[in-house]
Amino acid sequence: MFQSTVASAAIVGSAAYLAGYAHTAATDRPPMLQVALIGASGHASDVLSLIESLNRDAPAEHYSHCRVVGLFHSDPASMDSRRFEDRDVEVLALDTLVGLAAEMTGLRYIACVGYPSDRQDVAQSAAVVGLEPLTVVHRTAAIGTNVTLGTGVVILAQTSISPVASIGDHSYISHGALVGHDTIIGAYSSLMPGCSVSGDCIVGPGSTIGSNATVLEKIEIGAGATVGAGAVVTRNVAAGDTVVGAPAKVVSSRR
């Protein structure tokens, strides 16, 4: 296991554990984790795929499996559920989750919605009913020494998190993204497929780094900013700004 700090319950690579709980044999492993996925879009499908791969690949003698109790959406009838066919999971009404939270001790959740602001809304609502988030990390992710992962973080396949980086609560690190050494990713941020955030950067809370974008070393991205797909960021980006192009330039601002 890499030397890192992981908040709350977590499934990391091919081993599952509860924070502060060590296990060395099958009789010592923690109980099966129960998790609700809040959201039922393509984002939820990616998170479900991550959990499916962890359950499938982990040795039973070392691993406490994770059971997805459902995908929860405010209007299940409006969702295209074909992406979830034959995946042993139901799309359920969001209001039923309150009852499940009361009935199921230790039930965890993952906010499976794409927009950072929506993810924050989900987290705040889940806290009201006493649900705690689950952090999940794909087994192919390369996690460096002294990396800190917050609660509710999702890290997909083939990602690389360099030493001493910090990933804030409920951040989403998509396929093939790279986070450089000593970089801070703020809570509720989204790093899209193939993007690269170089070392010693600060990405403010609720920011989005688009697919295949590059943020050069020691750059600061303000809270709620958006870096467009394929952009090359060579200077700081103010909070709320959207930048595109190479080099990246401001195309809109919420200041």
Protein backbone atom coordinates (compact mmCIF):
# COMPACT_ATOMS: atom_id res chain seq x y z
CA MET A 1 0.00 0.00 0.00
CA PHE A 2 1.35 3.45 -0.88
CA GLN A 3 2.05 5.90 1.90
CA SER A 4 -0.81 8.33 1.70
CA THR A 5 -3.68 9.79 3.64
CA VAL A 6 -7.20 8.73 2.68
CA ALA A 7 -10.17 10.25 4.47
CA SER A 8 -13.31 8.30 5.35
CA ALA A 9 -14.01 4.84 3.94
CA ALA A 10 -12.15 3.96 0.78
CA ILE A 11 -11.57 1.32 -1.84
CA VAL A 12 -8.05 1.80 -3.14
CA GLY A 13 -6.68 -0.40 -5.91
CA SER A 14 -7.35 -4.04 -5.14
CA ALA A 15 -7.65 -3.58 -1.38
CA ALA A 16 -10.56 -2.19 0.60
CA TYR A 17 -10.35 -0.79 4.07
CA LEU A 18 -11.97 1.53 6.56
CA ALA A 19 -9.77 4.38 7.74
CA GLY A 20 -7.78 3.28 10.77
CA TYR A 21 -8.62 -0.42 10.25
CA ALA A 22 -5.84 -2.87 9.36
CA HIS A 23 -6.54 -6.43 8.26
CA THR A 24 -4.19 -9.29 7.50
CA ALA A 25 -6.38 -12.32 6.96
CA ALA A 26 -9.78 -13.27 5.61
CA THR A 27 -11.24 -13.42 9.11
CA ASP A 28 -10.00 -9.89 9.81
CA ARG A 29 -11.36 -8.16 6.73
CA PRO A 30 -14.02 -5.49 7.23
CA PRO A 31 -17.65 -6.17 6.29
CA MET A 32 -18.91 -5.65 2.77
CA LEU A 33 -19.27 -1.98 1.97
CA GLN A 34 -22.72 -0.84 0.85
CA VAL A 35 -22.77 2.19 -1.43
CA ALA A 36 -25.44 4.31 -3.11
CA LEU A 37 -24.52 6.01 -6.37
CA ILE A 38 -26.36 9.33 -6.53
CA GLY A 39 -26.86 10.09 -10.21
CA ALA A 40 -27.73 7.91 -13.20
CA SER A 41 -25.98 9.44 -16.20
CA GLY A 42 -22.79 8.54 -18.05
CA HIS A 43 -20.80 9.81 -15.07
CA ALA A 44 -22.55 7.25 -12.85
CA SER A 45 -21.87 4.56 -15.44
CA ASP A 46 -18.13 5.28 -15.23
CA VAL A 47 -18.17 5.09 -11.42
CA LEU A 48 -20.18 1.86 -11.53
CA SER A 49 -17.65 0.41 -13.99
CA LEU A 50 -14.85 1.27 -11.55
CA ILE A 51 -16.59 -0.55 -8.71
CA GLU A 52 -17.39 -3.49 -10.98
CA SER A 53 -13.72 -3.83 -11.89
CA LEU A 54 -12.60 -3.70 -8.26
CA ASN A 55 -15.12 -6.37 -7.26
CA ARG A 56 -14.17 -8.55 -10.20
CA ASP A 57 -10.38 -8.38 -9.90
CA ALA A 58 -9.67 -8.34 -6.18
CA PRO A 59 -8.71 -11.61 -4.42
CA ALA A 60 -11.54 -12.62 -2.10
CA GLU A 61 -9.17 -13.45 0.75
CA HIS A 62 -7.86 -9.89 0.88
CA TYR A 63 -10.84 -7.84 -0.14
CA SER A 64 -14.15 -6.77 1.24
CA HIS A 65 -16.39 -6.31 -1.76
CA CYS A 66 -18.57 -3.28 -2.41
CA ARG A 67 -22.26 -3.72 -3.12
CA VAL A 68 -24.03 -0.98 -5.06
CA VAL A 69 -27.52 -0.78 -3.56
CA GLY A 70 -28.81 1.37 -6.41
CA LEU A 71 -28.39 4.37 -8.66
CA PHE A 72 -30.56 7.20 -7.33
CA HIS A 73 -32.13 9.89 -9.51
CA SER A 74 -34.85 12.47 -8.95
CA ASP A 75 -36.80 11.19 -11.96
CA PRO A 76 -35.83 7.61 -12.89
CA ALA A 77 -38.49 7.41 -15.61
CA SER A 78 -36.75 10.19 -17.54
CA MET A 79 -33.38 8.43 -17.60
CA ASP A 80 -32.03 6.34 -20.45
CA SER A 81 -31.41 3.19 -18.42
CA ARG A 82 -30.00 1.12 -21.30
CA ARG A 83 -26.42 1.82 -20.17
CA PHE A 84 -27.23 -0.05 -16.96
CA GLU A 85 -28.82 -3.16 -18.51
CA ASP A 86 -27.37 -6.50 -17.34
CA ARG A 87 -25.25 -4.75 -14.69
CA ASP A 88 -27.07 -6.03 -11.60
CA VAL A 89 -28.14 -2.58 -10.43
CA GLU A 90 -31.43 -0.66 -10.31
CA VAL A 91 -32.18 2.99 -11.01
CA LEU A 92 -34.29 4.15 -8.06
CA ALA A 93 -36.10 7.29 -7.00
CA LEU A 94 -33.87 9.67 -5.06
CA ASP A 95 -36.44 10.14 -2.29
CA THR A 96 -36.18 6.42 -1.38
CA LEU A 97 -32.56 6.96 -0.32
CA VAL A 98 -33.62 8.69 2.90
CA GLY A 99 -35.34 5.52 4.09
CA LEU A 100 -32.39 3.34 3.10
CA ALA A 101 -30.00 5.61 4.99
CA ALA A 102 -32.07 5.07 8.13
CA GLU A 103 -32.28 1.29 7.64
CA MET A 104 -28.74 0.42 6.52
CA THR A 105 -26.02 1.06 9.07
CA GLY A 106 -22.81 2.25 7.45
CA LEU A 107 -24.33 2.97 4.04
CA ARG A 108 -21.94 5.13 1.98
CA TYR A 109 -22.51 7.17 -1.15
CA ILE A 110 -20.69 8.56 -4.17
CA ALA A 111 -21.89 11.76 -5.87
CA CYS A 112 -22.07 10.60 -9.49
CA VAL A 113 -22.92 13.88 -11.21
CA GLY A 114 -20.66 15.69 -13.62
CA TYR A 115 -20.92 19.37 -12.79
CA PRO A 116 -18.94 20.45 -9.71
CA SER A 117 -21.77 22.61 -8.36
CA ASP A 118 -24.23 19.71 -8.67
CA ARG A 119 -21.77 17.42 -6.89
CA GLN A 120 -21.56 19.90 -4.05
CA ASP A 121 -25.36 20.03 -3.80
CA VAL A 122 -25.48 16.22 -3.59
CA ALA A 123 -22.84 16.17 -0.85
CA GLN A 124 -24.67 18.78 1.21
CA SER A 125 -27.98 16.93 0.90
CA ALA A 126 -26.38 13.58 1.76
CA ALA A 127 -24.83 15.06 4.90
CA VAL A 128 -28.27 16.17 6.10
CA VAL A 129 -29.53 12.57 6.15
CA GLY A 130 -26.33 11.25 7.73
CA LEU A 131 -24.71 9.57 4.72
CA GLU A 132 -20.93 9.46 4.53
CA PRO A 133 -19.00 9.48 1.24
CA LEU A 134 -16.83 6.71 -0.18
CA THR A 135 -13.52 7.27 -1.99
CA VAL A 136 -12.76 4.88 -4.88
CA VAL A 137 -9.50 4.49 -6.78
CA HIS A 138 -9.00 2.27 -9.84
CA ARG A 139 -6.38 -0.45 -9.43
CA THR A 140 -4.40 0.90 -12.43
CA ALA A 141 -4.06 4.39 -10.97
CA ALA A 142 -0.50 5.30 -9.98
CA ILE A 143 -0.66 7.03 -6.60
CA GLY A 144 2.59 8.57 -5.37
CA THR A 145 4.03 8.77 -1.87
CA ASN A 146 2.41 11.16 0.61
CA VAL A 147 -0.61 11.86 -1.56
CA THR A 148 -3.71 13.05 0.30
CA LEU A 149 -7.14 11.99 -0.93
CA GLY A 150 -10.25 13.66 0.45
CA THR A 151 -13.65 12.11 1.05
CA GLY A 152 -15.82 11.06 -1.88
CA VAL A 153 -12.95 11.23 -4.38
CA VAL A 154 -13.21 9.18 -7.59
CA ILE A 155 -10.03 8.28 -9.48
CA LEU A 156 -10.52 6.34 -12.71
CA ALA A 157 -8.17 4.08 -14.70
CA GLN A 158 -4.65 4.92 -15.91
CA THR A 159 -4.39 8.13 -13.90
CA SER A 160 -1.21 9.34 -12.23
CA ILE A 161 -1.08 11.31 -8.98
CA SER A 162 2.49 12.39 -8.20
CA PRO A 163 4.03 12.59 -4.70
CA VAL A 164 2.75 15.11 -2.14
CA ALA A 165 -0.24 16.04 -4.28
CA SER A 166 -3.58 16.69 -2.56
CA ILE A 167 -7.00 15.83 -4.03
CA GLY A 168 -9.93 17.65 -2.41
CA ASP A 169 -13.23 16.18 -1.30
CA HIS A 170 -15.56 14.89 -4.02
CA SER A 171 -13.11 15.59 -6.82
CA TYR A 172 -13.33 13.51 -9.98
CA ILE A 173 -10.10 12.45 -11.71
CA SER A 174 -11.02 10.88 -15.05
CA HIS A 175 -9.25 8.34 -17.26
CA GLY A 176 -5.61 9.07 -18.00
CA ALA A 177 -5.43 12.39 -16.13
CA LEU A 178 -2.12 13.44 -14.57
CA VAL A 179 -1.62 15.47 -11.40
CA GLY A 180 1.92 16.71 -10.80
CA HIS A 181 3.97 16.74 -7.62
CA ASP A 182 2.90 19.03 -4.76
CA THR A 183 -0.19 20.13 -6.69
CA ILE A 184 -3.41 20.94 -4.83
CA ILE A 185 -6.74 20.07 -6.43
CA GLY A 186 -9.61 21.82 -4.67
CA ALA A 187 -12.82 20.15 -3.56
CA TYR A 188 -15.49 19.32 -6.16
CA SER A 189 -13.08 19.78 -9.06
CA SER A 190 -13.21 17.72 -12.27
CA LEU A 191 -10.15 16.65 -14.23
CA MET A 192 -11.33 15.27 -17.55
CA PRO A 193 -9.75 12.46 -19.62
CA GLY A 194 -6.13 12.91 -20.58
CA CYS A 195 -5.58 16.31 -18.99
CA SER A 196 -2.29 17.20 -17.31
CA VAL A 197 -1.87 19.52 -14.32
CA SER A 198 1.85 20.04 -13.77
CA GLY A 199 3.73 20.26 -10.47
CA ASP A 200 3.25 22.96 -7.83
CA CYS A 201 -0.11 24.08 -9.24
CA ILE A 202 -3.22 25.08 -7.33
CA VAL A 203 -6.61 24.25 -8.82
CA GLY A 204 -9.36 26.06 -6.93
CA PRO A 205 -12.54 24.39 -5.66
CA GLY A 206 -15.20 23.57 -8.23
CA SER A 207 -12.92 23.97 -11.25
CA THR A 208 -12.97 21.90 -14.43
CA ILE A 209 -9.88 21.00 -16.47
CA GLY A 210 -11.02 19.82 -19.90
CA SER A 211 -9.96 16.74 -21.82
CA ASN A 212 -6.32 16.77 -22.97
CA ALA A 213 -5.73 20.25 -21.54
CA THR A 214 -2.32 21.10 -20.06
CA VAL A 215 -1.72 23.38 -17.10
CA LEU A 216 1.96 24.34 -16.87
CA GLU A 217 3.99 24.30 -13.66
CA LYS A 218 3.22 26.67 -10.77
CA ILE A 219 -0.04 27.94 -12.32
CA GLU A 220 -3.04 28.84 -10.14
CA ILE A 221 -6.55 28.13 -11.42
CA GLY A 222 -9.18 30.12 -9.51
CA ALA A 223 -12.28 28.64 -7.92
CA GLY A 224 -15.00 27.68 -10.37
CA ALA A 225 -12.82 28.26 -13.43
CA THR A 226 -13.05 26.16 -16.59
CA VAL A 227 -10.14 25.19 -18.83
CA GLY A 228 -11.36 24.11 -22.25
CA ALA A 229 -10.44 20.84 -23.93
CA GLY A 230 -6.96 20.87 -25.41
CA ALA A 231 -6.04 24.24 -23.91
CA VAL A 232 -2.48 25.04 -22.80
CA VAL A 233 -2.53 27.24 -19.69
CA THR A 234 0.61 29.36 -19.38
CA ARG A 235 -0.57 31.94 -16.82
CA ASN A 236 -2.90 32.10 -13.84
CA VAL A 237 -6.66 31.85 -14.45
CA ALA A 238 -8.97 34.00 -12.32
CA ALA A 239 -11.89 32.54 -10.39
CA GLY A 240 -14.91 31.93 -12.59
CA ASP A 241 -13.10 32.46 -15.89
CA THR A 242 -13.29 30.13 -18.87
CA VAL A 243 -10.15 29.83 -20.97
CA VAL A 244 -9.55 28.02 -24.26
CA GLY A 245 -6.81 27.67 -26.85
CA ALA A 246 -3.01 27.41 -26.90
CA PRO A 247 -1.92 29.51 -25.20
CA ALA A 248 -5.18 29.71 -23.27
CA LYS A 249 -7.14 32.96 -23.37
CA VAL A 250 -10.22 34.12 -21.50
CA VAL A 251 -13.46 33.74 -23.47
CA SER A 252 -15.93 34.35 -20.64
CA SER A 253 -15.91 35.50 -17.04
CA ARG A 254 -18.27 35.33 -14.09
CA ARG A 255 -16.46 38.04 -12.15
